[in-house]
Amino acid sequence: MNTRKISLIMLKLLHIAPVIGAAVFTILFTCVFHSRIEERILHSATTFLLWMFASLFYIMILANFKNAKKVMLGAAGMLVFIALAVLMTPLDRYVTLVFAKSHIAAYVLALIMGAVFLLISTIWRKKVEG
């Protein structure tokens, strides 16, 4: 199986990952976590989206394996988003860096990241398919 086919399969999985993530997070927030719900929801959405962007850049590497410039761009993007995801993963650090400064900005950031991810992944999927 060539890397283009693998990247297309991964893009399709990446498109259903938010639905699976929402189901898992709903169960966690309903059954397990009962304190700091607003912080936890925004934290999970933000870090989840950061990992999704890192995955998207990994797919970019796979789909353009023969183009050195695109591979380097994909690797740089992937490393940046992995670093951001690792930086934001502890809840207390996320609250200190993002949530405590402005609750509204945290919501806006998560919504913009989600919209940008859907837009980019849809465009990328069409490009890989066709």
Protein backbone atom coordinates (compact mmCIF):
# COMPACT_ATOMS: atom_id res chain seq x y z
CA MET A 1 0.00 0.00 0.00
CA ASN A 2 1.52 3.33 -0.97
CA THR A 3 1.78 6.34 1.32
CA ARG A 4 -0.94 8.26 -0.56
CA LYS A 5 -3.51 5.54 0.17
CA ILE A 6 -2.42 5.32 3.79
CA SER A 7 -2.67 9.09 4.18
CA LEU A 8 -6.20 9.04 2.72
CA ILE A 9 -7.26 6.35 5.19
CA MET A 10 -5.72 8.34 8.04
CA LEU A 11 -7.51 11.51 6.90
CA LYS A 12 -10.83 9.67 6.93
CA LEU A 13 -10.12 8.42 10.45
CA LEU A 14 -9.11 11.92 11.50
CA HIS A 15 -12.49 13.21 10.35
CA ILE A 16 -14.38 10.81 12.63
CA ALA A 17 -11.98 11.23 15.57
CA PRO A 18 -13.81 14.32 16.96
CA VAL A 19 -17.05 12.33 17.22
CA ILE A 20 -15.28 9.53 19.06
CA GLY A 21 -13.45 12.07 21.25
CA ALA A 22 -16.70 13.86 22.10
CA ALA A 23 -18.28 10.55 23.15
CA VAL A 24 -15.31 9.63 25.34
CA PHE A 25 -15.11 13.10 26.91
CA THR A 26 -18.87 13.09 27.58
CA ILE A 27 -18.59 9.81 29.45
CA LEU A 28 -15.57 11.08 31.41
CA PHE A 29 -17.21 14.37 32.36
CA THR A 30 -20.48 12.67 33.27
CA CYS A 31 -19.12 9.75 35.27
CA VAL A 32 -15.61 10.59 36.48
CA PHE A 33 -14.80 14.29 36.61
CA HIS A 34 -17.16 16.45 38.65
CA SER A 35 -15.01 19.44 39.57
CA ARG A 36 -13.66 22.25 37.40
CA ILE A 37 -15.84 21.11 34.51
CA GLU A 38 -15.55 24.27 32.42
CA GLU A 39 -11.75 24.21 32.67
CA ARG A 40 -11.59 20.50 31.88
CA ILE A 41 -13.87 20.75 28.83
CA LEU A 42 -11.87 23.58 27.27
CA HIS A 43 -8.59 21.91 28.21
CA SER A 44 -9.60 18.61 26.62
CA ALA A 45 -10.87 20.34 23.47
CA THR A 46 -7.71 22.43 23.10
CA THR A 47 -5.21 19.63 23.67
CA PHE A 48 -7.25 17.25 21.50
CA LEU A 49 -7.17 19.76 18.65
CA LEU A 50 -3.43 20.29 19.08
CA TRP A 51 -2.88 16.54 18.71
CA MET A 52 -5.22 16.51 15.70
CA PHE A 53 -3.14 19.23 14.03
CA ALA A 54 0.04 17.25 14.75
CA SER A 55 -1.60 14.22 13.13
CA LEU A 56 -2.60 16.29 10.13
CA PHE A 57 1.00 17.40 9.61
CA TYR A 58 2.11 13.75 9.92
CA ILE A 59 -0.36 12.87 7.17
CA MET A 60 1.11 15.72 5.11
CA ILE A 61 4.52 14.07 5.47
CA LEU A 62 3.15 10.71 4.32
CA ALA A 63 1.25 12.14 1.36
CA ASN A 64 4.25 14.16 0.12
CA PHE A 65 7.04 11.74 0.96
CA LYS A 66 8.91 12.45 -2.28
CA ASN A 67 8.80 16.26 -1.94
CA ALA A 68 11.57 17.31 0.46
CA LYS A 69 10.23 20.83 1.05
CA LYS A 70 6.76 19.59 2.00
CA VAL A 71 8.23 16.88 4.21
CA MET A 72 10.33 19.47 6.06
CA LEU A 73 7.30 21.79 6.40
CA GLY A 74 5.20 18.90 7.67
CA ALA A 75 7.89 17.84 10.14
CA ALA A 76 8.27 21.37 11.46
CA GLY A 77 4.51 21.80 11.85
CA MET A 78 4.17 18.43 13.51
CA LEU A 79 6.93 19.19 16.00
CA VAL A 80 5.44 22.61 16.84
CA PHE A 81 2.00 21.14 17.53
CA ILE A 82 3.41 18.23 19.52
CA ALA A 83 5.39 20.70 21.65
CA LEU A 84 2.28 22.83 22.18
CA ALA A 85 0.19 19.77 23.07
CA VAL A 86 2.79 18.57 25.58
CA LEU A 87 3.06 22.09 27.02
CA MET A 88 -0.72 22.37 27.44
CA THR A 89 -1.39 18.83 28.66
CA PRO A 90 -1.20 19.42 32.44
CA LEU A 91 -4.52 21.00 33.40
CA ASP A 92 -2.99 23.44 35.87
CA ARG A 93 -0.52 24.73 33.28
CA TYR A 94 -3.35 25.18 30.75
CA VAL A 95 -5.38 27.10 33.31
CA THR A 96 -2.41 29.34 34.13
CA LEU A 97 -1.43 30.02 30.50
CA VAL A 98 -4.82 30.26 28.79
CA PHE A 99 -7.94 29.84 30.89
CA ALA A 100 -7.10 32.16 33.81
CA LYS A 101 -6.30 35.07 31.52
CA SER A 102 -9.67 35.07 29.76
CA HIS A 103 -12.42 32.47 29.72
CA ILE A 104 -13.89 34.00 26.59
CA ALA A 105 -10.54 33.86 24.80
CA ALA A 106 -10.22 30.16 25.72
CA TYR A 107 -13.62 29.46 24.13
CA VAL A 108 -12.77 31.51 21.05
CA LEU A 109 -9.38 29.79 20.70
CA ALA A 110 -10.97 26.33 20.86
CA LEU A 111 -13.70 27.24 18.36
CA ILE A 112 -11.28 28.85 15.91
CA MET A 113 -8.90 25.88 16.16
CA GLY A 114 -11.79 23.49 15.48
CA ALA A 115 -13.01 25.46 12.48
CA VAL A 116 -9.51 25.83 11.02
CA PHE A 117 -8.84 22.13 11.53
CA LEU A 118 -12.03 21.12 9.72
CA LEU A 119 -11.33 23.53 6.88
CA ILE A 120 -7.71 22.45 6.39
CA SER A 121 -8.39 18.73 6.76
CA THR A 122 -11.28 18.91 4.28
CA ILE A 123 -9.16 20.78 1.73
CA TRP A 124 -6.26 18.38 2.29
CA ARG A 125 -8.51 15.35 1.93
CA LYS A 126 -9.84 16.59 -1.43
CA LYS A 127 -6.29 17.25 -2.57
CA VAL A 128 -5.11 13.75 -1.60
CA GLU A 129 -8.18 12.08 -3.16
CA GLY A 130 -7.99 13.88 -6.43
